[in-house]
Amino acid sequence: MTVLIGSWEFEGPFGNLSELHDEPGLVAILTGKNDEYELIEMEESDSVKSFIDTHNKYNFRVENADEDLLVAVYYCSDLTASLRFGLIEEVMKELDDTGADVEEIELTPANLLHPDFAEVANS
């Protein structure tokens, strides 16, 4: 399953955090259920799994009946930390410009590297 945040296709959302990988990428922290999600926070990390395992603001290891926290991930091992941060800025700018919400889409075989960053990653 994937989730579209702006025009960017993220893997997830994951409730089972064992499905996350120790790879660089963007981490979108979502809340919601029944295919209705709200973006709470977006961060970049050298290791998505480690970032979530040690996150100090949200505890993903304990079930919280008051909050339905989920994680969506955009793996981008070819990008440096500064490029990943720039990617977050692009995603957030797109959401600000369009007023778009996080919306579920069907899983499709897609290259998860957005065309805007493909040239940088391949150089």
PDB file of N, CA and C in Angstrom:
ATOM      1  N   MET A   1       0.843  -1.167   0.000  1.00  0.00           N
ATOM      2  CA  MET A   1       0.000   0.000   0.000  1.00  0.00           C
ATOM      3  C   MET A   1       0.894   1.237   0.000  1.00  0.00           C
ATOM      4  N   THR A   2       0.429   2.263  -0.619  1.00  0.00           N
ATOM      5  CA  THR A   2       1.137   3.538  -0.599  1.00  0.00           C
ATOM      6  C   THR A   2       0.162   4.641  -0.232  1.00  0.00           C
ATOM      7  N   VAL A   3       0.717   5.770   0.132  1.00  0.00           N
ATOM      8  CA  VAL A   3      -0.087   6.924   0.459  1.00  0.00           C
ATOM      9  C   VAL A   3       0.519   8.121  -0.285  1.00  0.00           C
ATOM     10  N   LEU A   4      -0.322   8.936  -0.834  1.00  0.00           N
ATOM     11  CA  LEU A   4       0.116  10.098  -1.586  1.00  0.00           C
ATOM     12  C   LEU A   4       0.106  11.309  -0.662  1.00  0.00           C
ATOM     13  N   ILE A   5       1.262  11.949  -0.527  1.00  0.00           N
ATOM     14  CA  ILE A   5       1.380  13.174   0.240  1.00  0.00           C
ATOM     15  C   ILE A   5       1.797  14.240  -0.761  1.00  0.00           C
ATOM     16  N   GLY A   6       0.855  15.089  -1.119  1.00  0.00           N
ATOM     17  CA  GLY A   6       1.071  15.972  -2.259  1.00  0.00           C
ATOM     18  C   GLY A   6       1.122  15.101  -3.502  1.00  0.00           C
ATOM     19  N   SER A   7       2.176  15.226  -4.279  1.00  0.00           N
ATOM     20  CA  SER A   7       2.342  14.365  -5.455  1.00  0.00           C
ATOM     21  C   SER A   7       3.396  13.289  -5.209  1.00  0.00           C
ATOM     22  N   TRP A   8       3.804  13.123  -3.964  1.00  0.00           N
ATOM     23  CA  TRP A   8       4.881  12.203  -3.607  1.00  0.00           C
ATOM     24  C   TRP A   8       4.296  10.906  -3.057  1.00  0.00           C
ATOM     25  N   GLU A   9       4.753   9.788  -3.572  1.00  0.00           N
ATOM     26  CA  GLU A   9       4.238   8.474  -3.196  1.00  0.00           C
ATOM     27  C   GLU A   9       5.102   7.866  -2.094  1.00  0.00           C
ATOM     28  N   PHE A  10       4.530   7.759  -0.899  1.00  0.00           N
ATOM     29  CA  PHE A  10       5.210   7.183   0.260  1.00  0.00           C
ATOM     30  C   PHE A  10       4.734   5.747   0.462  1.00  0.00           C
ATOM     31  N   GLU A  11       5.611   4.883   0.951  1.00  0.00           N
ATOM     32  CA  GLU A  11       5.228   3.523   1.327  1.00  0.00           C
ATOM     33  C   GLU A  11       4.508   3.581   2.667  1.00  0.00           C
ATOM     34  N   GLY A  12       3.476   2.754   2.812  1.00  0.00           N
ATOM     35  CA  GLY A  12       2.724   2.712   4.055  1.00  0.00           C
ATOM     36  C   GLY A  12       1.295   3.142   3.834  1.00  0.00           C
ATOM     37  N   PRO A  13       0.633   3.565   4.850  1.00  0.00           N
ATOM     38  CA  PRO A  13       1.130   3.783   6.209  1.00  0.00           C
ATOM     39  C   PRO A  13       1.292   2.473   6.972  1.00  0.00           C
ATOM     40  N   PHE A  14       2.311   2.463   7.815  1.00  0.00           N
ATOM     41  CA  PHE A  14       2.640   1.281   8.603  1.00  0.00           C
ATOM     42  C   PHE A  14       2.211   1.471  10.044  1.00  0.00           C
ATOM     43  N   GLY A  15       1.503   0.509  10.578  1.00  0.00           N
ATOM     44  CA  GLY A  15       1.214   0.438  12.002  1.00  0.00           C
ATOM     45  C   GLY A  15       2.172  -0.548  12.641  1.00  0.00           C
ATOM     46  N   ASN A  16       2.588  -1.552  11.847  1.00  0.00           N
ATOM     47  CA  ASN A  16       3.553  -2.545  12.284  1.00  0.00           C
ATOM     48  C   ASN A  16       4.940  -2.031  11.911  1.00  0.00           C
ATOM     49  N   LEU A  17       5.643  -1.499  12.883  1.00  0.00           N
ATOM     50  CA  LEU A  17       6.906  -0.825  12.621  1.00  0.00           C
ATOM     51  C   LEU A  17       8.037  -1.780  12.278  1.00  0.00           C
ATOM     52  N   SER A  18       7.823  -3.085  12.442  1.00  0.00           N
ATOM     53  CA  SER A  18       8.848  -4.052  12.049  1.00  0.00           C
ATOM     54  C   SER A  18       9.013  -4.090  10.528  1.00  0.00           C
ATOM     55  N   GLU A  19       8.083  -3.480   9.796  1.00  0.00           N
ATOM     56  CA  GLU A  19       8.178  -3.427   8.344  1.00  0.00           C
ATOM     57  C   GLU A  19       9.112  -2.321   7.850  1.00  0.00           C
ATOM     58  N   LEU A  20       9.588  -1.472   8.755  1.00  0.00           N
ATOM     59  CA  LEU A  20      10.489  -0.385   8.376  1.00  0.00           C
ATOM     60  C   LEU A  20      11.902  -0.908   8.179  1.00  0.00           C
ATOM     61  N   HIS A  21      12.684  -0.194   7.357  1.00  0.00           N
ATOM     62  CA  HIS A  21      14.053  -0.603   7.041  1.00  0.00           C
ATOM     63  C   HIS A  21      15.059   0.408   7.576  1.00  0.00           C
ATOM     64  N   ASP A  22      16.281  -0.082   7.819  1.00  0.00           N
ATOM     65  CA  ASP A  22      17.388   0.785   8.228  1.00  0.00           C
ATOM     66  C   ASP A  22      18.005   1.414   6.988  1.00  0.00           C
ATOM     67  N   GLU A  23      17.247   2.261   6.338  1.00  0.00           N
ATOM     68  CA  GLU A  23      17.696   2.944   5.130  1.00  0.00           C
ATOM     69  C   GLU A  23      17.370   4.426   5.249  1.00  0.00           C
ATOM     70  N   PRO A  24      18.116   5.266   4.518  1.00  0.00           N
ATOM     71  CA  PRO A  24      17.818   6.696   4.532  1.00  0.00           C
ATOM     72  C   PRO A  24      16.475   7.000   3.883  1.00  0.00           C
ATOM     73  N   GLY A  25      15.817   8.030   4.386  1.00  0.00           N
ATOM     74  CA  GLY A  25      14.559   8.413   3.771  1.00  0.00           C
ATOM     75  C   GLY A  25      13.832   9.482   4.557  1.00  0.00           C
ATOM     76  N   LEU A  26      12.628   9.756   4.087  1.00  0.00           N
ATOM     77  CA  LEU A  26      11.738  10.685   4.764  1.00  0.00           C
ATOM     78  C   LEU A  26      10.741   9.889   5.580  1.00  0.00           C
ATOM     79  N   VAL A  27      10.407  10.397   6.740  1.00  0.00           N
ATOM     80  CA  VAL A  27       9.455   9.755   7.639  1.00  0.00           C
ATOM     81  C   VAL A  27       8.280  10.700   7.818  1.00  0.00           C
ATOM     82  N   ALA A  28       7.100  10.246   7.444  1.00  0.00           N
ATOM     83  CA  ALA A  28       5.880  11.023   7.651  1.00  0.00           C
ATOM     84  C   ALA A  28       5.112  10.378   8.796  1.00  0.00           C
ATOM     85  N   ILE A  29       4.896  11.125   9.845  1.00  0.00           N
ATOM     86  CA  ILE A  29       4.121  10.624  10.986  1.00  0.00           C
ATOM     87  C   ILE A  29       2.682  11.081  10.772  1.00  0.00           C
ATOM     88  N   LEU A  30       1.794  10.107  10.765  1.00  0.00           N
ATOM     89  CA  LEU A  30       0.388  10.344  10.460  1.00  0.00           C
ATOM     90  C   LEU A  30      -0.480   9.942  11.642  1.00  0.00           C
ATOM     91  N   THR A  31      -1.651  10.501  11.696  1.00  0.00           N
ATOM     92  CA  THR A  31      -2.665  10.055  12.633  1.00  0.00           C
ATOM     93  C   THR A  31      -3.931   9.793  11.825  1.00  0.00           C
ATOM     94  N   GLY A  32      -4.739   8.883  12.312  1.00  0.00           N
ATOM     95  CA  GLY A  32      -5.995   8.601  11.632  1.00  0.00           C
ATOM     96  C   GLY A  32      -6.274   7.119  11.548  1.00  0.00           C
ATOM     97  N   LYS A  33      -7.409   6.825  10.944  1.00  0.00           N
ATOM     98  CA  LYS A  33      -7.812   5.445  10.706  1.00  0.00           C
ATOM     99  C   LYS A  33      -8.884   5.441   9.630  1.00  0.00           C
ATOM    100  N   ASN A  34      -9.229   4.258   9.175  1.00  0.00           N
ATOM    101  CA  ASN A  34     -10.234   4.089   8.129  1.00  0.00           C
ATOM    102  C   ASN A  34      -9.911   4.916   6.884  1.00  0.00           C
ATOM    103  N   ASP A  35      -8.642   4.894   6.496  1.00  0.00           N
ATOM    104  CA  ASP A  35      -8.174   5.563   5.280  1.00  0.00           C
ATOM    105  C   ASP A  35      -8.314   7.077   5.316  1.00  0.00           C
ATOM    106  N   GLU A  36      -8.471   7.658   6.488  1.00  0.00           N
ATOM    107  CA  GLU A  36      -8.496   9.107   6.659  1.00  0.00           C
ATOM    108  C   GLU A  36      -7.275   9.476   7.500  1.00  0.00           C
ATOM    109  N   TYR A  37      -6.271  10.121   6.896  1.00  0.00           N
ATOM    110  CA  TYR A  37      -5.025  10.411   7.583  1.00  0.00           C
ATOM    111  C   TYR A  37      -4.740  11.899   7.612  1.00  0.00           C
ATOM    112  N   GLU A  38      -4.047  12.300   8.660  1.00  0.00           N
ATOM    113  CA  GLU A  38      -3.598  13.677   8.790  1.00  0.00           C
ATOM    114  C   GLU A  38      -2.095  13.650   9.047  1.00  0.00           C
ATOM    115  N   LEU A  39      -1.362  14.475   8.321  1.00  0.00           N
ATOM    116  CA  LEU A  39       0.080  14.572   8.500  1.00  0.00           C
ATOM    117  C   LEU A  39       0.376  15.383   9.754  1.00  0.00           C
ATOM    118  N   ILE A  40       1.123  14.780  10.682  1.00  0.00           N
ATOM    119  CA  ILE A  40       1.501  15.454  11.922  1.00  0.00           C
ATOM    120  C   ILE A  40       2.883  16.071  11.794  1.00  0.00           C
ATOM    121  N   GLU A  41       3.806  15.300  11.223  1.00  0.00           N
ATOM    122  CA  GLU A  41       5.204  15.724  11.202  1.00  0.00           C
ATOM    123  C   GLU A  41       5.914  14.995  10.075  1.00  0.00           C
ATOM    124  N   MET A  42       6.945  15.633   9.514  1.00  0.00           N
ATOM    125  CA  MET A  42       7.780  14.982   8.513  1.00  0.00           C
ATOM    126  C   MET A  42       9.236  15.283   8.836  1.00  0.00           C
ATOM    127  N   GLU A  43      10.059  14.248   8.829  1.00  0.00           N
ATOM    128  CA  GLU A  43      11.480  14.369   9.145  1.00  0.00           C
ATOM    129  C   GLU A  43      12.284  13.549   8.145  1.00  0.00           C
ATOM    130  N   GLU A  44      13.589  13.826   8.081  1.00  0.00           N
ATOM    131  CA  GLU A  44      14.485  13.009   7.281  1.00  0.00           C
ATOM    132  C   GLU A  44      15.423  12.279   8.226  1.00  0.00           C
ATOM    133  N   SER A  45      15.923  11.127   7.782  1.00  0.00           N
ATOM    134  CA  SER A  45      16.817  10.360   8.642  1.00  0.00           C
ATOM    135  C   SER A  45      17.739   9.483   7.807  1.00  0.00           C
ATOM    136  N   ASP A  46      18.933   9.219   8.366  1.00  0.00           N
ATOM    137  CA  ASP A  46      19.855   8.269   7.736  1.00  0.00           C
ATOM    138  C   ASP A  46      19.360   6.842   7.911  1.00  0.00           C
ATOM    139  N   SER A  47      18.517   6.615   8.923  1.00  0.00           N
ATOM    140  CA  SER A  47      17.937   5.297   9.176  1.00  0.00           C
ATOM    141  C   SER A  47      16.498   5.476   9.655  1.00  0.00           C
ATOM    142  N   VAL A  48      15.567   5.175   8.785  1.00  0.00           N
ATOM    143  CA  VAL A  48      14.145   5.335   9.108  1.00  0.00           C
ATOM    144  C   VAL A  48      13.781   4.516  10.337  1.00  0.00           C
ATOM    145  N   LYS A  49      14.186   3.261  10.363  1.00  0.00           N
ATOM    146  CA  LYS A  49      13.830   2.375  11.477  1.00  0.00           C
ATOM    147  C   LYS A  49      14.393   2.892  12.803  1.00  0.00           C
ATOM    148  N   SER A  50      15.663   3.271  12.825  1.00  0.00           N
ATOM    149  CA  SER A  50      16.279   3.788  14.051  1.00  0.00           C
ATOM    150  C   SER A  50      15.626   5.086  14.493  1.00  0.00           C
ATOM    151  N   PHE A  51      15.281   5.937  13.541  1.00  0.00           N
ATOM    152  CA  PHE A  51      14.629   7.199  13.864  1.00  0.00           C
ATOM    153  C   PHE A  51      13.324   6.947  14.616  1.00  0.00           C
ATOM    154  N   ILE A  52      12.523   6.033  14.120  1.00  0.00           N
ATOM    155  CA  ILE A  52      11.240   5.729  14.753  1.00  0.00           C
ATOM    156  C   ILE A  52      11.459   5.020  16.089  1.00  0.00           C
ATOM    157  N   ASP A  53      12.430   4.107  16.143  1.00  0.00           N
ATOM    158  CA  ASP A  53      12.700   3.382  17.390  1.00  0.00           C
ATOM    159  C   ASP A  53      13.110   4.312  18.525  1.00  0.00           C
ATOM    160  N   THR A  54      13.753   5.418  18.199  1.00  0.00           N
ATOM    161  CA  THR A  54      14.259   6.321  19.240  1.00  0.00           C
ATOM    162  C   THR A  54      13.540   7.667  19.265  1.00  0.00           C
ATOM    163  N   HIS A  55      12.406   7.752  18.585  1.00  0.00           N
ATOM    164  CA  HIS A  55      11.684   9.026  18.525  1.00  0.00           C
ATOM    165  C   HIS A  55      11.252   9.428  19.927  1.00  0.00           C
ATOM    166  N   ASN A  56      11.588  10.675  20.328  1.00  0.00           N
ATOM    167  CA  ASN A  56      11.300  11.086  21.701  1.00  0.00           C
ATOM    168  C   ASN A  56       9.995  11.864  21.860  1.00  0.00           C
ATOM    169  N   LYS A  57       9.363  12.244  20.763  1.00  0.00           N
ATOM    170  CA  LYS A  57       8.110  12.988  20.871  1.00  0.00           C
ATOM    171  C   LYS A  57       6.893  12.059  20.845  1.00  0.00           C
ATOM    172  N   TYR A  58       6.953  11.039  19.998  1.00  0.00           N
ATOM    173  CA  TYR A  58       5.867  10.070  19.886  1.00  0.00           C
ATOM    174  C   TYR A  58       6.414   8.700  20.223  1.00  0.00           C
ATOM    175  N   ASN A  59       5.694   7.959  21.050  1.00  0.00           N
ATOM    176  CA  ASN A  59       6.125   6.627  21.439  1.00  0.00           C
ATOM    177  C   ASN A  59       5.397   5.609  20.578  1.00  0.00           C
ATOM    178  N   PHE A  60       6.124   4.993  19.672  1.00  0.00           N
ATOM    179  CA  PHE A  60       5.528   4.014  18.767  1.00  0.00           C
ATOM    180  C   PHE A  60       5.588   2.601  19.331  1.00  0.00           C
ATOM    181  N   ARG A  61       6.254   2.423  20.464  1.00  0.00           N
ATOM    182  CA  ARG A  61       6.388   1.081  21.033  1.00  0.00           C
ATOM    183  C   ARG A  61       5.243   0.717  21.963  1.00  0.00           C
ATOM    184  N   VAL A  62       4.474   1.706  22.377  1.00  0.00           N
ATOM    185  CA  VAL A  62       3.356   1.468  23.288  1.00  0.00           C
ATOM    186  C   VAL A  62       2.072   1.873  22.579  1.00  0.00           C
ATOM    187  N   GLU A  63       1.099   0.971  22.597  1.00  0.00           N
ATOM    188  CA  GLU A  63      -0.180   1.312  21.975  1.00  0.00           C
ATOM    189  C   GLU A  63      -0.872   2.381  22.795  1.00  0.00           C
ATOM    190  N   ASN A  64      -1.346   3.386  22.106  1.00  0.00           N
ATOM    191  CA  ASN A  64      -2.024   4.502  22.761  1.00  0.00           C
ATOM    192  C   ASN A  64      -3.436   4.578  22.197  1.00  0.00           C
ATOM    193  N   ALA A  65      -4.404   4.294  23.019  1.00  0.00           N
ATOM    194  CA  ALA A  65      -5.791   4.267  22.551  1.00  0.00           C
ATOM    195  C   ALA A  65      -6.282   5.645  22.111  1.00  0.00           C
ATOM    196  N   ASP A  66      -5.657   6.704  22.628  1.00  0.00           N
ATOM    197  CA  ASP A  66      -6.087   8.057  22.287  1.00  0.00           C
ATOM    198  C   ASP A  66      -5.573   8.527  20.934  1.00  0.00           C
ATOM    199  N   GLU A  67      -4.476   7.942  20.470  1.00  0.00           N
ATOM    200  CA  GLU A  67      -3.879   8.359  19.201  1.00  0.00           C
ATOM    201  C   GLU A  67      -3.629   7.141  18.331  1.00  0.00           C
ATOM    202  N   ASP A  68      -4.016   7.232  17.069  1.00  0.00           N
ATOM    203  CA  ASP A  68      -3.728   6.179  16.106  1.00  0.00           C
ATOM    204  C   ASP A  68      -2.580   6.658  15.235  1.00  0.00           C
ATOM    205  N   LEU A  69      -1.350   6.428  15.688  1.00  0.00           N
ATOM    206  CA  LEU A  69      -0.180   6.882  14.963  1.00  0.00           C
ATOM    207  C   LEU A  69       0.258   5.854  13.938  1.00  0.00           C
ATOM    208  N   LEU A  70       0.603   6.340  12.770  1.00  0.00           N
ATOM    209  CA  LEU A  70       1.099   5.512  11.686  1.00  0.00           C
ATOM    210  C   LEU A  70       2.311   6.193  11.083  1.00  0.00           C
ATOM    211  N   VAL A  71       3.083   5.426  10.319  1.00  0.00           N
ATOM    212  CA  VAL A  71       4.275   5.956   9.681  1.00  0.00           C
ATOM    213  C   VAL A  71       4.224   5.635   8.192  1.00  0.00           C
ATOM    214  N   ALA A  72       4.492   6.640   7.370  1.00  0.00           N
ATOM    215  CA  ALA A  72       4.669   6.449   5.936  1.00  0.00           C
ATOM    216  C   ALA A  72       6.111   6.835   5.619  1.00  0.00           C
ATOM    217  N   VAL A  73       6.710   6.146   4.657  1.00  0.00           N
ATOM    218  CA  VAL A  73       8.138   6.309   4.402  1.00  0.00           C
ATOM    219  C   VAL A  73       8.399   6.517   2.917  1.00  0.00           C
ATOM    220  N   TYR A  74       9.315   7.418   2.630  1.00  0.00           N
ATOM    221  CA  TYR A  74       9.813   7.645   1.279  1.00  0.00           C
ATOM    222  C   TYR A  74      11.304   7.354   1.333  1.00  0.00           C
ATOM    223  N   TYR A  75      11.696   6.123   0.947  1.00  0.00           N
ATOM    224  CA  TYR A  75      13.107   5.744   0.984  1.00  0.00           C
ATOM    225  C   TYR A  75      13.839   6.422  -0.165  1.00  0.00           C
ATOM    226  N   CYS A  76      14.982   7.016   0.150  1.00  0.00           N
ATOM    227  CA  CYS A  76      15.776   7.696  -0.888  1.00  0.00           C
ATOM    228  C   CYS A  76      17.253   7.585  -0.515  1.00  0.00           C
ATOM    229  N   SER A  77      17.796   6.394  -0.661  1.00  0.00           N
ATOM    230  CA  SER A  77      19.179   6.124  -0.265  1.00  0.00           C
ATOM    231  C   SER A  77      20.197   6.865  -1.119  1.00  0.00           C
ATOM    232  N   ASP A  78      19.803   7.342  -2.294  1.00  0.00           N
ATOM    233  CA  ASP A  78      20.727   8.052  -3.167  1.00  0.00           C
ATOM    234  C   ASP A  78      20.873   9.528  -2.826  1.00  0.00           C
ATOM    235  N   LEU A  79      20.080  10.021  -1.867  1.00  0.00           N
ATOM    236  CA  LEU A  79      20.119  11.446  -1.534  1.00  0.00           C
ATOM    237  C   LEU A  79      20.872  11.685  -0.230  1.00  0.00           C
ATOM    238  N   THR A  80      21.604  12.781  -0.179  1.00  0.00           N
ATOM    239  CA  THR A  80      22.287  13.183   1.050  1.00  0.00           C
ATOM    240  C   THR A  80      21.262  13.753   2.028  1.00  0.00           C
ATOM    241  N   ALA A  81      21.698  13.973   3.254  1.00  0.00           N
ATOM    242  CA  ALA A  81      20.799  14.543   4.267  1.00  0.00           C
ATOM    243  C   ALA A  81      20.288  15.915   3.834  1.00  0.00           C
ATOM    244  N   SER A  82      21.155  16.721   3.247  1.00  0.00           N
ATOM    245  CA  SER A  82      20.708  18.056   2.831  1.00  0.00           C
ATOM    246  C   SER A  82      19.703  17.975   1.684  1.00  0.00           C
ATOM    247  N   LEU A  83      19.870  17.027   0.779  1.00  0.00           N
ATOM    248  CA  LEU A  83      18.883  16.856  -0.291  1.00  0.00           C
ATOM    249  C   LEU A  83      17.565  16.311   0.253  1.00  0.00           C
ATOM    250  N   ARG A  84      17.641  15.426   1.252  1.00  0.00           N
ATOM    251  CA  ARG A  84      16.407  14.919   1.872  1.00  0.00           C
ATOM    252  C   ARG A  84      15.673  16.059   2.568  1.00  0.00           C
ATOM    253  N   PHE A  85      16.416  16.943   3.240  1.00  0.00           N
ATOM    254  CA  PHE A  85      15.791  18.096   3.879  1.00  0.00           C
ATOM    255  C   PHE A  85      15.136  18.986   2.822  1.00  0.00           C
ATOM    256  N   GLY A  86      15.813  19.176   1.698  1.00  0.00           N
ATOM    257  CA  GLY A  86      15.236  19.955   0.600  1.00  0.00           C
ATOM    258  C   GLY A  86      13.974  19.315   0.053  1.00  0.00           C
ATOM    259  N   LEU A  87      13.956  17.996   0.042  1.00  0.00           N
ATOM    260  CA  LEU A  87      12.777  17.263  -0.415  1.00  0.00           C
ATOM    261  C   LEU A  87      11.598  17.507   0.530  1.00  0.00           C
ATOM    262  N   ILE A  88      11.864  17.524   1.829  1.00  0.00           N
ATOM    263  CA  ILE A  88      10.804  17.841   2.797  1.00  0.00           C
ATOM    264  C   ILE A  88      10.257  19.233   2.521  1.00  0.00           C
ATOM    265  N   GLU A  89      11.137  20.181   2.277  1.00  0.00           N
ATOM    266  CA  GLU A  89      10.691  21.540   1.971  1.00  0.00           C
ATOM    267  C   GLU A  89       9.812  21.566   0.721  1.00  0.00           C
ATOM    268  N   GLU A  90      10.173  20.780  -0.297  1.00  0.00           N
ATOM    269  CA  GLU A  90       9.372  20.705  -1.523  1.00  0.00           C
ATOM    270  C   GLU A  90       7.983  20.128  -1.245  1.00  0.00           C
ATOM    271  N   VAL A  91       7.947  19.053  -0.476  1.00  0.00           N
ATOM    272  CA  VAL A  91       6.660  18.414  -0.145  1.00  0.00           C
ATOM    273  C   VAL A  91       5.782  19.391   0.639  1.00  0.00           C
ATOM    274  N   MET A  92       6.357  20.030   1.643  1.00  0.00           N
ATOM    275  CA  MET A  92       5.575  20.936   2.482  1.00  0.00           C
ATOM    276  C   MET A  92       5.122  22.158   1.688  1.00  0.00           C
ATOM    277  N   LYS A  93       5.967  22.659   0.808  1.00  0.00           N
ATOM    278  CA  LYS A  93       5.585  23.791  -0.037  1.00  0.00           C
ATOM    279  C   LYS A  93       4.426  23.400  -0.936  1.00  0.00           C
ATOM    280  N   GLU A  94       4.495  22.193  -1.494  1.00  0.00           N
ATOM    281  CA  GLU A  94       3.407  21.720  -2.349  1.00  0.00           C
ATOM    282  C   GLU A  94       2.107  21.619  -1.571  1.00  0.00           C
ATOM    283  N   LEU A  95       2.166  21.108  -0.350  1.00  0.00           N
ATOM    284  CA  LEU A  95       0.959  21.012   0.477  1.00  0.00           C
ATOM    285  C   LEU A  95       0.428  22.387   0.837  1.00  0.00           C
ATOM    286  N   ASP A  96       1.322  23.319   1.138  1.00  0.00           N
ATOM    287  CA  ASP A  96       0.898  24.689   1.459  1.00  0.00           C
ATOM    288  C   ASP A  96       0.253  25.366   0.258  1.00  0.00           C
ATOM    289  N   ASP A  97       0.831  25.140  -0.928  1.00  0.00           N
ATOM    290  CA  ASP A  97       0.327  25.772  -2.148  1.00  0.00           C
ATOM    291  C   ASP A  97      -1.034  25.238  -2.577  1.00  0.00           C
ATOM    292  N   THR A  98      -1.262  23.945  -2.357  1.00  0.00           N
ATOM    293  CA  THR A  98      -2.495  23.330  -2.854  1.00  0.00           C
ATOM    294  C   THR A  98      -3.539  23.122  -1.774  1.00  0.00           C
ATOM    295  N   GLY A  99      -3.119  23.175  -0.512  1.00  0.00           N
ATOM    296  CA  GLY A  99      -4.049  22.858   0.561  1.00  0.00           C
ATOM    297  C   GLY A  99      -4.401  21.378   0.558  1.00  0.00           C
ATOM    298  N   ALA A 100      -3.544  20.566  -0.065  1.00  0.00           N
ATOM    299  CA  ALA A 100      -3.821  19.140  -0.226  1.00  0.00           C
ATOM    300  C   ALA A 100      -3.748  18.408   1.107  1.00  0.00           C
ATOM    301  N   ASP A 101      -4.511  17.335   1.198  1.00  0.00           N
ATOM    302  CA  ASP A 101      -4.480  16.458   2.354  1.00  0.00           C
ATOM    303  C   ASP A 101      -3.731  15.190   1.993  1.00  0.00           C
ATOM    304  N   VAL A 102      -3.445  14.414   3.013  1.00  0.00           N
ATOM    305  CA  VAL A 102      -2.876  13.098   2.793  1.00  0.00           C
ATOM    306  C   VAL A 102      -4.016  12.211   2.336  1.00  0.00           C
ATOM    307  N   GLU A 103      -3.841  11.533   1.215  1.00  0.00           N
ATOM    308  CA  GLU A 103      -4.920  10.691   0.732  1.00  0.00           C
ATOM    309  C   GLU A 103      -4.380   9.343   0.272  1.00  0.00           C
ATOM    310  N   GLU A 104      -5.140   8.324   0.480  1.00  0.00           N
ATOM    311  CA  GLU A 104      -4.723   6.969   0.137  1.00  0.00           C
ATOM    312  C   GLU A 104      -4.850   6.750  -1.363  1.00  0.00           C
ATOM    313  N   ILE A 105      -3.887   6.032  -1.917  1.00  0.00           N
ATOM    314  CA  ILE A 105      -3.969   5.617  -3.310  1.00  0.00           C
ATOM    315  C   ILE A 105      -3.645   4.144  -3.392  1.00  0.00           C
ATOM    316  N   GLU A 106      -3.973   3.525  -4.501  1.00  0.00           N
ATOM    317  CA  GLU A 106      -3.668   2.117  -4.680  1.00  0.00           C
ATOM    318  C   GLU A 106      -2.186   1.943  -4.962  1.00  0.00           C
ATOM    319  N   LEU A 107      -1.645   0.809  -4.532  1.00  0.00           N
ATOM    320  CA  LEU A 107      -0.257   0.494  -4.799  1.00  0.00           C
ATOM    321  C   LEU A 107      -0.071   0.276  -6.292  1.00  0.00           C
ATOM    322  N   THR A 108       0.897   0.958  -6.844  1.00  0.00           N
ATOM    323  CA  THR A 108       1.217   0.787  -8.247  1.00  0.00           C
ATOM    324  C   THR A 108       2.712   0.610  -8.374  1.00  0.00           C
ATOM    325  N   PRO A 109       3.167  -0.176  -9.358  1.00  0.00           N
ATOM    326  CA  PRO A 109       4.611  -0.280  -9.544  1.00  0.00           C
ATOM    327  C   PRO A 109       5.137   1.070 -10.011  1.00  0.00           C
ATOM    328  N   ALA A 110       5.847   1.746  -9.141  1.00  0.00           N
ATOM    329  CA  ALA A 110       6.302   3.098  -9.463  1.00  0.00           C
ATOM    330  C   ALA A 110       7.706   3.303  -8.938  1.00  0.00           C
ATOM    331  N   ASN A 111       8.455   4.114  -9.640  1.00  0.00           N
ATOM    332  CA  ASN A 111       9.749   4.551  -9.139  1.00  0.00           C
ATOM    333  C   ASN A 111       9.462   5.590  -8.072  1.00  0.00           C
ATOM    334  N   LEU A 112       9.842   5.305  -6.821  1.00  0.00           N
ATOM    335  CA  LEU A 112       9.496   6.203  -5.728  1.00  0.00           C
ATOM    336  C   LEU A 112      10.369   7.451  -5.685  1.00  0.00           C
ATOM    337  N   LEU A 113      11.347   7.561  -6.586  1.00  0.00           N
ATOM    338  CA  LEU A 113      12.145   8.774  -6.619  1.00  0.00           C
ATOM    339  C   LEU A 113      11.474   9.779  -7.532  1.00  0.00           C
ATOM    340  N   HIS A 114      11.046  10.887  -6.969  1.00  0.00           N
ATOM    341  CA  HIS A 114      10.335  11.918  -7.708  1.00  0.00           C
ATOM    342  C   HIS A 114      11.227  12.459  -8.825  1.00  0.00           C
ATOM    343  N   PRO A 115      10.669  12.740 -10.000  1.00  0.00           N
ATOM    344  CA  PRO A 115      11.463  13.222 -11.145  1.00  0.00           C
ATOM    345  C   PRO A 115      12.312  14.448 -10.828  1.00  0.00           C
ATOM    346  N   ASP A 116      11.871  15.320  -9.931  1.00  0.00           N
ATOM    347  CA  ASP A 116      12.652  16.524  -9.584  1.00  0.00           C
ATOM    348  C   ASP A 116      13.998  16.183  -8.987  1.00  0.00           C
ATOM    349  N   PHE A 117      14.095  14.998  -8.345  1.00  0.00           N
ATOM    350  CA  PHE A 117      15.340  14.623  -7.675  1.00  0.00           C
ATOM    351  C   PHE A 117      16.070  13.502  -8.389  1.00  0.00           C
ATOM    352  N   ALA A 118      15.492  12.910  -9.426  1.00  0.00           N
ATOM    353  CA  ALA A 118      16.121  11.803 -10.137  1.00  0.00           C
ATOM    354  C   ALA A 118      17.440  12.231 -10.759  1.00  0.00           C
ATOM    355  N   GLU A 119      17.491  13.411 -11.361  1.00  0.00           N
ATOM    356  CA  GLU A 119      18.700  13.881 -12.010  1.00  0.00           C
ATOM    357  C   GLU A 119      19.829  14.073 -11.003  1.00  0.00           C
ATOM    358  N   VAL A 120      19.521  14.630  -9.836  1.00  0.00           N
ATOM    359  CA  VAL A 120      20.519  14.848  -8.791  1.00  0.00           C
ATOM    360  C   VAL A 120      21.049  13.514  -8.274  1.00  0.00           C
ATOM    361  N   ALA A 121      20.161  12.551  -8.041  1.00  0.00           N
ATOM    362  CA  ALA A 121      20.550  11.266  -7.485  1.00  0.00           C
ATOM    363  C   ALA A 121      21.384  10.466  -8.477  1.00  0.00           C
ATOM    364  N   ASN A 122      21.128  10.623  -9.763  1.00  0.00           N
ATOM    365  CA  ASN A 122      21.848   9.851 -10.774  1.00  0.00           C
ATOM    366  C   ASN A 122      23.170  10.491 -11.193  1.00  0.00           C
ATOM    367  N   SER A 123      23.474  11.679 -10.663  1.00  0.00           N
ATOM    368  CA  SER A 123      24.728  12.340 -11.062  1.00  0.00           C
ATOM    369  C   SER A 123      25.853  12.010 -10.117  1.00  0.00           C
TER     370      SER A 123
END
